[in-house]
Full PDB file with SEQRES, HELIX, SHEET, SSBOND, CRYST1, ORIGX, SCALE, CONECT and MASTER records, all heavy atoms in Angstrom:
SEQRES   1 A   31  VAL GLY ALA TYR VAL ILE ASN THR TYR LYS SER TYR ASP          
SEQRES   2 A   31  ASN PHE LEU GLN ASP LYS TYR ALA LEU LEU PRO ALA VAL          
SEQRES   3 A   31  ILE ILE ILE CYS VAL                                          
HELIX    1 AA1 GLY A    2  TYR A    9  1                                   8    
HELIX    2 AA2 LYS A   19  LEU A   22  5                                   4    
HELIX    3 AA3 LEU A   23  CYS A   30  1                                   8    
CRYST1    1.000    1.000    1.000  90.00  90.00  90.00 P 1           1          
ORIGX1      1.000000  0.000000  0.000000        0.00000                         
ORIGX2      0.000000  1.000000  0.000000        0.00000                         
ORIGX3      0.000000  0.000000  1.000000        0.00000                         
SCALE1      1.000000  0.000000  0.000000        0.00000                         
SCALE2      0.000000  1.000000  0.000000        0.00000                         
SCALE3      0.000000  0.000000  1.000000        0.00000                         
ATOM      1  N   VAL A   1      -2.244  53.650 -52.256  1.00  0.00           N  
ATOM      2  CA  VAL A   1      -2.020  52.173 -51.862  1.00  0.00           C  
ATOM      3  C   VAL A   1      -1.179  51.512 -52.905  1.00  0.00           C  
ATOM      4  O   VAL A   1      -0.218  50.782 -52.427  1.00  0.00           O  
ATOM      5  CB  VAL A   1      -3.382  51.427 -51.806  1.00  0.00           C  
ATOM      6  CG1 VAL A   1      -3.208  49.955 -51.742  1.00  0.00           C  
ATOM      7  CG2 VAL A   1      -4.203  52.033 -50.637  1.00  0.00           C  
ATOM      8  N   GLY A   2      -1.377  51.693 -54.164  1.00  0.00           N  
ATOM      9  CA  GLY A   2      -0.485  51.082 -55.138  1.00  0.00           C  
ATOM     10  C   GLY A   2       0.951  51.538 -55.020  1.00  0.00           C  
ATOM     11  O   GLY A   2       1.889  50.686 -55.097  1.00  0.00           O  
ATOM     12  N   ALA A   3       1.092  52.796 -54.844  1.00  0.00           N  
ATOM     13  CA  ALA A   3       2.507  53.338 -54.635  1.00  0.00           C  
ATOM     14  C   ALA A   3       3.194  52.858 -53.468  1.00  0.00           C  
ATOM     15  O   ALA A   3       4.382  52.478 -53.388  1.00  0.00           O  
ATOM     16  CB  ALA A   3       2.505  54.839 -54.709  1.00  0.00           C  
ATOM     17  N   TYR A   4       2.389  52.719 -52.331  1.00  0.00           N  
ATOM     18  CA  TYR A   4       2.883  52.210 -51.047  1.00  0.00           C  
ATOM     19  C   TYR A   4       3.341  50.759 -51.215  1.00  0.00           C  
ATOM     20  O   TYR A   4       4.451  50.370 -50.722  1.00  0.00           O  
ATOM     21  CB  TYR A   4       1.823  52.313 -49.974  1.00  0.00           C  
ATOM     22  CG  TYR A   4       2.280  51.858 -48.633  1.00  0.00           C  
ATOM     23  CD1 TYR A   4       3.163  52.618 -47.861  1.00  0.00           C  
ATOM     24  CD2 TYR A   4       1.932  50.593 -48.214  1.00  0.00           C  
ATOM     25  CE1 TYR A   4       3.563  52.191 -46.573  1.00  0.00           C  
ATOM     26  CE2 TYR A   4       2.322  50.180 -46.921  1.00  0.00           C  
ATOM     27  CZ  TYR A   4       3.102  50.957 -46.143  1.00  0.00           C  
ATOM     28  OH  TYR A   4       3.557  50.466 -44.953  1.00  0.00           O  
ATOM     29  N   VAL A   5       2.523  49.922 -51.848  1.00  0.00           N  
ATOM     30  CA  VAL A   5       2.867  48.592 -52.097  1.00  0.00           C  
ATOM     31  C   VAL A   5       4.136  48.445 -52.897  1.00  0.00           C  
ATOM     32  O   VAL A   5       5.084  47.701 -52.613  1.00  0.00           O  
ATOM     33  CB  VAL A   5       1.725  47.691 -52.744  1.00  0.00           C  
ATOM     34  CG1 VAL A   5       2.147  46.371 -53.237  1.00  0.00           C  
ATOM     35  CG2 VAL A   5       0.526  47.601 -51.922  1.00  0.00           C  
ATOM     36  N   ILE A   6       4.278  49.169 -53.960  1.00  0.00           N  
ATOM     37  CA  ILE A   6       5.502  49.183 -54.817  1.00  0.00           C  
ATOM     38  C   ILE A   6       6.713  49.630 -53.985  1.00  0.00           C  
ATOM     39  O   ILE A   6       7.791  49.058 -54.030  1.00  0.00           O  
ATOM     40  CB  ILE A   6       5.357  50.025 -56.092  1.00  0.00           C  
ATOM     41  CG1 ILE A   6       4.319  49.376 -56.978  1.00  0.00           C  
ATOM     42  CG2 ILE A   6       6.674  50.340 -56.705  1.00  0.00           C  
ATOM     43  CD1 ILE A   6       4.026  50.186 -58.279  1.00  0.00           C  
ATOM     44  N   ASN A   7       6.530  50.654 -53.159  1.00  0.00           N  
ATOM     45  CA  ASN A   7       7.675  51.065 -52.345  1.00  0.00           C  
ATOM     46  C   ASN A   7       8.030  50.041 -51.309  1.00  0.00           C  
ATOM     47  O   ASN A   7       9.257  49.774 -51.056  1.00  0.00           O  
ATOM     48  CB  ASN A   7       7.304  52.422 -51.609  1.00  0.00           C  
ATOM     49  CG  ASN A   7       8.436  53.069 -50.996  1.00  0.00           C  
ATOM     50  OD1 ASN A   7       9.579  53.006 -51.446  1.00  0.00           O  
ATOM     51  ND2 ASN A   7       8.188  53.694 -49.833  1.00  0.00           N  
ATOM     52  N   THR A   8       7.034  49.443 -50.689  1.00  0.00           N  
ATOM     53  CA  THR A   8       7.413  48.327 -49.684  1.00  0.00           C  
ATOM     54  C   THR A   8       7.959  47.146 -50.278  1.00  0.00           C  
ATOM     55  O   THR A   8       8.847  46.503 -49.739  1.00  0.00           O  
ATOM     56  CB  THR A   8       5.982  48.004 -48.964  1.00  0.00           C  
ATOM     57  OG1 THR A   8       5.401  49.110 -48.387  1.00  0.00           O  
ATOM     58  CG2 THR A   8       6.302  46.946 -47.886  1.00  0.00           C  
ATOM     59  N   TYR A   9       7.626  46.858 -51.587  1.00  0.00           N  
ATOM     60  CA  TYR A   9       8.142  45.737 -52.279  1.00  0.00           C  
ATOM     61  C   TYR A   9       9.711  45.844 -52.335  1.00  0.00           C  
ATOM     62  O   TYR A   9      10.339  44.808 -52.312  1.00  0.00           O  
ATOM     63  CB  TYR A   9       7.509  45.670 -53.697  1.00  0.00           C  
ATOM     64  CG  TYR A   9       8.184  44.636 -54.539  1.00  0.00           C  
ATOM     65  CD1 TYR A   9       7.781  43.323 -54.527  1.00  0.00           C  
ATOM     66  CD2 TYR A   9       9.142  44.950 -55.535  1.00  0.00           C  
ATOM     67  CE1 TYR A   9       8.318  42.358 -55.386  1.00  0.00           C  
ATOM     68  CE2 TYR A   9       9.685  44.015 -56.351  1.00  0.00           C  
ATOM     69  CZ  TYR A   9       9.262  42.684 -56.283  1.00  0.00           C  
ATOM     70  OH  TYR A   9       9.847  41.760 -57.025  1.00  0.00           O  
ATOM     71  N   LYS A  10      10.214  47.029 -52.485  1.00  0.00           N  
ATOM     72  CA  LYS A  10      11.666  47.171 -52.685  1.00  0.00           C  
ATOM     73  C   LYS A  10      12.464  46.567 -51.423  1.00  0.00           C  
ATOM     74  O   LYS A  10      13.528  46.081 -51.537  1.00  0.00           O  
ATOM     75  CB  LYS A  10      12.032  48.614 -52.724  1.00  0.00           C  
ATOM     76  CG  LYS A  10      11.506  49.228 -54.002  1.00  0.00           C  
ATOM     77  CD  LYS A  10      11.829  50.711 -54.118  1.00  0.00           C  
ATOM     78  CE  LYS A  10      11.255  51.312 -55.398  1.00  0.00           C  
ATOM     79  NZ  LYS A  10      11.375  52.725 -55.441  1.00  0.00           N  
ATOM     80  N   SER A  11      11.839  46.601 -50.243  1.00  0.00           N  
ATOM     81  CA  SER A  11      12.451  46.009 -49.041  1.00  0.00           C  
ATOM     82  C   SER A  11      12.421  44.517 -48.992  1.00  0.00           C  
ATOM     83  O   SER A  11      13.316  43.870 -48.385  1.00  0.00           O  
ATOM     84  CB  SER A  11      11.765  46.584 -47.794  1.00  0.00           C  
ATOM     85  OG  SER A  11      11.760  47.946 -47.698  1.00  0.00           O  
ATOM     86  N   TYR A  12      11.467  43.855 -49.701  1.00  0.00           N  
ATOM     87  CA  TYR A  12      11.306  42.403 -49.627  1.00  0.00           C  
ATOM     88  C   TYR A  12      11.470  41.788 -50.979  1.00  0.00           C  
ATOM     89  O   TYR A  12      11.009  40.630 -51.124  1.00  0.00           O  
ATOM     90  CB  TYR A  12       9.954  42.133 -49.032  1.00  0.00           C  
ATOM     91  CG  TYR A  12       9.685  42.650 -47.659  1.00  0.00           C  
ATOM     92  CD1 TYR A  12       8.888  43.801 -47.491  1.00  0.00           C  
ATOM     93  CD2 TYR A  12      10.343  42.274 -46.544  1.00  0.00           C  
ATOM     94  CE1 TYR A  12       8.651  44.335 -46.254  1.00  0.00           C  
ATOM     95  CE2 TYR A  12      10.140  42.832 -45.316  1.00  0.00           C  
ATOM     96  CZ  TYR A  12       9.335  43.840 -45.166  1.00  0.00           C  
ATOM     97  OH  TYR A  12       9.149  44.427 -44.007  1.00  0.00           O  
ATOM     98  N   ASP A  13      12.144  42.432 -51.959  1.00  0.00           N  
ATOM     99  CA  ASP A  13      12.106  41.816 -53.272  1.00  0.00           C  
ATOM    100  C   ASP A  13      12.925  40.589 -53.389  1.00  0.00           C  
ATOM    101  O   ASP A  13      12.705  39.736 -54.265  1.00  0.00           O  
ATOM    102  CB  ASP A  13      12.570  42.843 -54.332  1.00  0.00           C  
ATOM    103  CG  ASP A  13      13.985  43.427 -54.167  1.00  0.00           C  
ATOM    104  OD1 ASP A  13      14.494  43.153 -53.008  1.00  0.00           O  
ATOM    105  OD2 ASP A  13      14.468  44.017 -55.094  1.00  0.00           O  
ATOM    106  N   ASN A  14      13.812  40.273 -52.524  1.00  0.00           N  
ATOM    107  CA  ASN A  14      14.586  39.034 -52.529  1.00  0.00           C  
ATOM    108  C   ASN A  14      13.749  37.885 -52.183  1.00  0.00           C  
ATOM    109  O   ASN A  14      13.970  36.740 -52.504  1.00  0.00           O  
ATOM    110  CB  ASN A  14      15.799  39.118 -51.564  1.00  0.00           C  
ATOM    111  CG  ASN A  14      16.946  39.999 -52.149  1.00  0.00           C  
ATOM    112  OD1 ASN A  14      16.948  40.238 -53.355  1.00  0.00           O  
ATOM    113  ND2 ASN A  14      17.831  40.367 -51.327  1.00  0.00           N  
ATOM    114  N   PHE A  15      12.651  38.077 -51.327  1.00  0.00           N  
ATOM    115  CA  PHE A  15      11.765  37.048 -50.979  1.00  0.00           C  
ATOM    116  C   PHE A  15      10.711  36.869 -52.079  1.00  0.00           C  
ATOM    117  O   PHE A  15      10.206  35.771 -52.194  1.00  0.00           O  
ATOM    118  CB  PHE A  15      11.070  37.337 -49.709  1.00  0.00           C  
ATOM    119  CG  PHE A  15      11.968  37.295 -48.498  1.00  0.00           C  
ATOM    120  CD1 PHE A  15      12.442  38.353 -47.924  1.00  0.00           C  
ATOM    121  CD2 PHE A  15      12.448  36.004 -48.118  1.00  0.00           C  
ATOM    122  CE1 PHE A  15      13.270  38.289 -46.765  1.00  0.00           C  
ATOM    123  CE2 PHE A  15      13.335  35.860 -47.087  1.00  0.00           C  
ATOM    124  CZ  PHE A  15      13.734  37.037 -46.408  1.00  0.00           C  
ATOM    125  N   LEU A  16      10.375  37.868 -52.771  1.00  0.00           N  
ATOM    126  CA  LEU A  16       9.362  37.757 -53.845  1.00  0.00           C  
ATOM    127  C   LEU A  16      10.045  37.834 -55.192  1.00  0.00           C  
ATOM    128  O   LEU A  16       9.991  38.773 -55.944  1.00  0.00           O  
ATOM    129  CB  LEU A  16       8.372  38.917 -53.744  1.00  0.00           C  
ATOM    130  CG  LEU A  16       7.645  38.954 -52.389  1.00  0.00           C  
ATOM    131  CD1 LEU A  16       6.955  40.270 -52.231  1.00  0.00           C  
ATOM    132  CD2 LEU A  16       6.805  37.779 -52.202  1.00  0.00           C  
ATOM    133  N   GLN A  17      10.824  36.739 -55.557  1.00  0.00           N  
ATOM    134  CA  GLN A  17      11.607  36.713 -56.713  1.00  0.00           C  
ATOM    135  C   GLN A  17      10.749  36.706 -58.006  1.00  0.00           C  
ATOM    136  O   GLN A  17      11.252  37.119 -59.075  1.00  0.00           O  
ATOM    137  CB  GLN A  17      12.510  35.523 -56.683  1.00  0.00           C  
ATOM    138  CG  GLN A  17      13.589  35.637 -55.645  1.00  0.00           C  
ATOM    139  CD  GLN A  17      14.410  34.410 -55.423  1.00  0.00           C  
ATOM    140  OE1 GLN A  17      14.115  33.360 -56.011  1.00  0.00           O  
ATOM    141  NE2 GLN A  17      15.461  34.492 -54.659  1.00  0.00           N  
ATOM    142  N   ASP A  18       9.564  36.299 -57.893  1.00  0.00           N  
ATOM    143  CA  ASP A  18       8.593  36.366 -58.969  1.00  0.00           C  
ATOM    144  C   ASP A  18       8.267  37.843 -59.250  1.00  0.00           C  
ATOM    145  O   ASP A  18       7.713  38.489 -58.481  1.00  0.00           O  
ATOM    146  CB  ASP A  18       7.371  35.526 -58.641  1.00  0.00           C  
ATOM    147  CG  ASP A  18       6.422  35.443 -59.868  1.00  0.00           C  
ATOM    148  OD1 ASP A  18       6.825  35.844 -60.988  1.00  0.00           O  
ATOM    149  OD2 ASP A  18       5.299  34.891 -59.712  1.00  0.00           O  
ATOM    150  N   LYS A  19       8.624  38.262 -60.435  1.00  0.00           N  
ATOM    151  CA  LYS A  19       8.417  39.660 -60.785  1.00  0.00           C  
ATOM    152  C   LYS A  19       6.908  40.002 -60.970  1.00  0.00           C  
ATOM    153  O   LYS A  19       6.559  41.177 -60.993  1.00  0.00           O  
ATOM    154  CB  LYS A  19       9.217  40.158 -62.006  1.00  0.00           C  
ATOM    155  CG  LYS A  19      10.661  40.022 -61.835  1.00  0.00           C  
ATOM    156  CD  LYS A  19      11.089  40.861 -60.649  1.00  0.00           C  
ATOM    157  CE  LYS A  19      12.607  40.705 -60.344  1.00  0.00           C  
ATOM    158  NZ  LYS A  19      13.035  41.201 -59.028  1.00  0.00           N  
ATOM    159  N   TYR A  20       6.116  38.996 -61.035  1.00  0.00           N  
ATOM    160  CA  TYR A  20       4.692  39.205 -61.116  1.00  0.00           C  
ATOM    161  C   TYR A  20       4.094  39.629 -59.727  1.00  0.00           C  
ATOM    162  O   TYR A  20       2.912  39.965 -59.627  1.00  0.00           O  
ATOM    163  CB  TYR A  20       3.939  38.008 -61.642  1.00  0.00           C  
ATOM    164  CG  TYR A  20       4.326  37.731 -63.080  1.00  0.00           C  
ATOM    165  CD1 TYR A  20       5.116  36.551 -63.424  1.00  0.00           C  
ATOM    166  CD2 TYR A  20       3.941  38.501 -64.098  1.00  0.00           C  
ATOM    167  CE1 TYR A  20       5.440  36.329 -64.782  1.00  0.00           C  
ATOM    168  CE2 TYR A  20       4.241  38.361 -65.374  1.00  0.00           C  
ATOM    169  CZ  TYR A  20       4.951  37.259 -65.731  1.00  0.00           C  
ATOM    170  OH  TYR A  20       5.279  37.032 -67.036  1.00  0.00           O  
ATOM    171  N   ALA A  21       4.874  39.621 -58.733  1.00  0.00           N  
ATOM    172  CA  ALA A  21       4.394  40.003 -57.371  1.00  0.00           C  
ATOM    173  C   ALA A  21       4.010  41.450 -57.442  1.00  0.00           C  
ATOM    174  O   ALA A  21       3.180  41.904 -56.591  1.00  0.00           O  
ATOM    175  CB  ALA A  21       5.473  39.751 -56.372  1.00  0.00           C  
ATOM    176  N   LEU A  22       4.538  42.237 -58.263  1.00  0.00           N  
ATOM    177  CA  LEU A  22       4.186  43.669 -58.325  1.00  0.00           C  
ATOM    178  C   LEU A  22       2.904  43.882 -59.162  1.00  0.00           C  
ATOM    179  O   LEU A  22       2.407  44.978 -59.238  1.00  0.00           O  
ATOM    180  CB  LEU A  22       5.371  44.466 -59.055  1.00  0.00           C  
ATOM    181  CG  LEU A  22       6.401  44.986 -58.133  1.00  0.00           C  
ATOM    182  CD1 LEU A  22       7.377  45.791 -58.962  1.00  0.00           C  
ATOM    183  CD2 LEU A  22       5.823  45.798 -57.027  1.00  0.00           C  
ATOM    184  N   LEU A  23       2.443  42.896 -59.904  1.00  0.00           N  
ATOM    185  CA  LEU A  23       1.283  43.060 -60.734  1.00  0.00           C  
ATOM    186  C   LEU A  23       0.068  43.556 -60.032  1.00  0.00           C  
ATOM    187  O   LEU A  23      -0.570  44.461 -60.569  1.00  0.00           O  
ATOM    188  CB  LEU A  23       1.053  41.690 -61.349  1.00  0.00           C  
ATOM    189  CG  LEU A  23      -0.007  41.648 -62.479  1.00  0.00           C  
ATOM    190  CD1 LEU A  23       0.394  42.718 -63.626  1.00  0.00           C  
ATOM    191  CD2 LEU A  23      -0.224  40.323 -63.074  1.00  0.00           C  
ATOM    192  N   PRO A  24      -0.290  43.152 -58.839  1.00  0.00           N  
ATOM    193  CA  PRO A  24      -1.459  43.664 -58.153  1.00  0.00           C  
ATOM    194  C   PRO A  24      -1.303  45.182 -57.893  1.00  0.00           C  
ATOM    195  O   PRO A  24      -2.233  45.946 -58.061  1.00  0.00           O  
ATOM    196  CB  PRO A  24      -1.508  42.916 -56.822  1.00  0.00           C  
ATOM    197  CG  PRO A  24      -0.841  41.602 -57.086  1.00  0.00           C  
ATOM    198  CD  PRO A  24       0.216  41.972 -58.081  1.00  0.00           C  
ATOM    199  N   ALA A  25      -0.123  45.622 -57.570  1.00  0.00           N  
ATOM    200  CA  ALA A  25       0.044  47.011 -57.276  1.00  0.00           C  
ATOM    201  C   ALA A  25      -0.108  47.861 -58.561  1.00  0.00           C  
ATOM    202  O   ALA A  25      -0.676  48.905 -58.609  1.00  0.00           O  
ATOM    203  CB  ALA A  25       1.493  47.247 -56.744  1.00  0.00           C  
ATOM    204  N   VAL A  26       0.453  47.356 -59.698  1.00  0.00           N  
ATOM    205  CA  VAL A  26       0.334  48.062 -60.997  1.00  0.00           C  
ATOM    206  C   VAL A  26      -1.111  48.059 -61.375  1.00  0.00           C  
ATOM    207  O   VAL A  26      -1.601  49.097 -61.866  1.00  0.00           O  
ATOM    208  CB  VAL A  26       1.212  47.335 -62.032  1.00  0.00           C  
ATOM    209  CG1 VAL A  26       0.955  47.913 -63.413  1.00  0.00           C  
ATOM    210  CG2 VAL A  26       2.651  47.531 -61.649  1.00  0.00           C  
ATOM    211  N   ILE A  27      -1.845  47.002 -61.203  1.00  0.00           N  
ATOM    212  CA  ILE A  27      -3.297  46.952 -61.502  1.00  0.00           C  
ATOM    213  C   ILE A  27      -4.011  47.980 -60.612  1.00  0.00           C  
ATOM    214  O   ILE A  27      -4.934  48.617 -61.155  1.00  0.00           O  
ATOM    215  CB  ILE A  27      -3.812  45.493 -61.273  1.00  0.00           C  
ATOM    216  CG1 ILE A  27      -3.225  44.598 -62.341  1.00  0.00           C  
ATOM    217  CG2 ILE A  27      -5.348  45.456 -61.346  1.00  0.00           C  
ATOM    218  CD1 ILE A  27      -3.570  43.116 -62.202  1.00  0.00           C  
ATOM    219  N   ILE A  28      -3.704  48.092 -59.342  1.00  0.00           N  
ATOM    220  CA  ILE A  28      -4.354  48.971 -58.462  1.00  0.00           C  
ATOM    221  C   ILE A  28      -4.157  50.398 -58.959  1.00  0.00           C  
ATOM    222  O   ILE A  28      -5.186  51.234 -59.079  1.00  0.00           O  
ATOM    223  CB  ILE A  28      -3.828  48.895 -57.008  1.00  0.00           C  
ATOM    224  CG1 ILE A  28      -4.398  47.653 -56.382  1.00  0.00           C  
ATOM    225  CG2 ILE A  28      -4.245  50.121 -56.190  1.00  0.00           C  
ATOM    226  CD1 ILE A  28      -3.759  47.352 -55.034  1.00  0.00           C  
ATOM    227  N   ILE A  29      -2.941  50.797 -59.494  1.00  0.00           N  
ATOM    228  CA  ILE A  29      -2.700  52.130 -59.963  1.00  0.00           C  
ATOM    229  C   ILE A  29      -3.402  52.290 -61.267  1.00  0.00           C  
ATOM    230  O   ILE A  29      -4.014  53.399 -61.530  1.00  0.00           O  
ATOM    231  CB  ILE A  29      -1.269  52.397 -60.239  1.00  0.00           C  
ATOM    232  CG1 ILE A  29      -0.513  52.419 -58.783  1.00  0.00           C  
ATOM    233  CG2 ILE A  29      -0.975  53.599 -60.981  1.00  0.00           C  
ATOM    234  CD1 ILE A  29       0.966  52.559 -58.827  1.00  0.00           C  
ATOM    235  N   CYS A  30      -3.548  51.283 -62.127  1.00  0.00           N  
ATOM    236  CA  CYS A  30      -4.281  51.407 -63.363  1.00  0.00           C  
ATOM    237  C   CYS A  30      -5.742  51.621 -63.106  1.00  0.00           C  
ATOM    238  O   CYS A  30      -6.442  52.359 -63.765  1.00  0.00           O  
ATOM    239  CB  CYS A  30      -4.048  50.164 -64.241  1.00  0.00           C  
ATOM    240  SG  CYS A  30      -2.391  50.048 -64.952  1.00  0.00           S  
ATOM    241  N   VAL A  31      -6.297  50.876 -62.226  1.00  0.00           N  
ATOM    242  CA  VAL A  31      -7.733  51.022 -61.733  1.00  0.00           C  
ATOM    243  C   VAL A  31      -7.931  52.441 -61.242  1.00  0.00           C  
ATOM    244  O   VAL A  31      -8.988  53.019 -61.532  1.00  0.00           O  
ATOM    245  CB  VAL A  31      -8.032  49.908 -60.696  1.00  0.00           C  
ATOM    246  CG1 VAL A  31      -9.419  50.256 -60.076  1.00  0.00           C  
ATOM    247  CG2 VAL A  31      -8.125  48.578 -61.395  1.00  0.00           C  
TER     248      VAL A  31                                                      
MASTER        0    0    0    3    0    0    0    6  247    1    0    3          
END                                                                             
């Protein structure tokens, strides 16, 4: 799930200019 969110983020990164948008995916992988 974490890897999927990070991969999907690449398609929409211009809309999510806040780089903290990836934080939940990173937290999921750490968990």
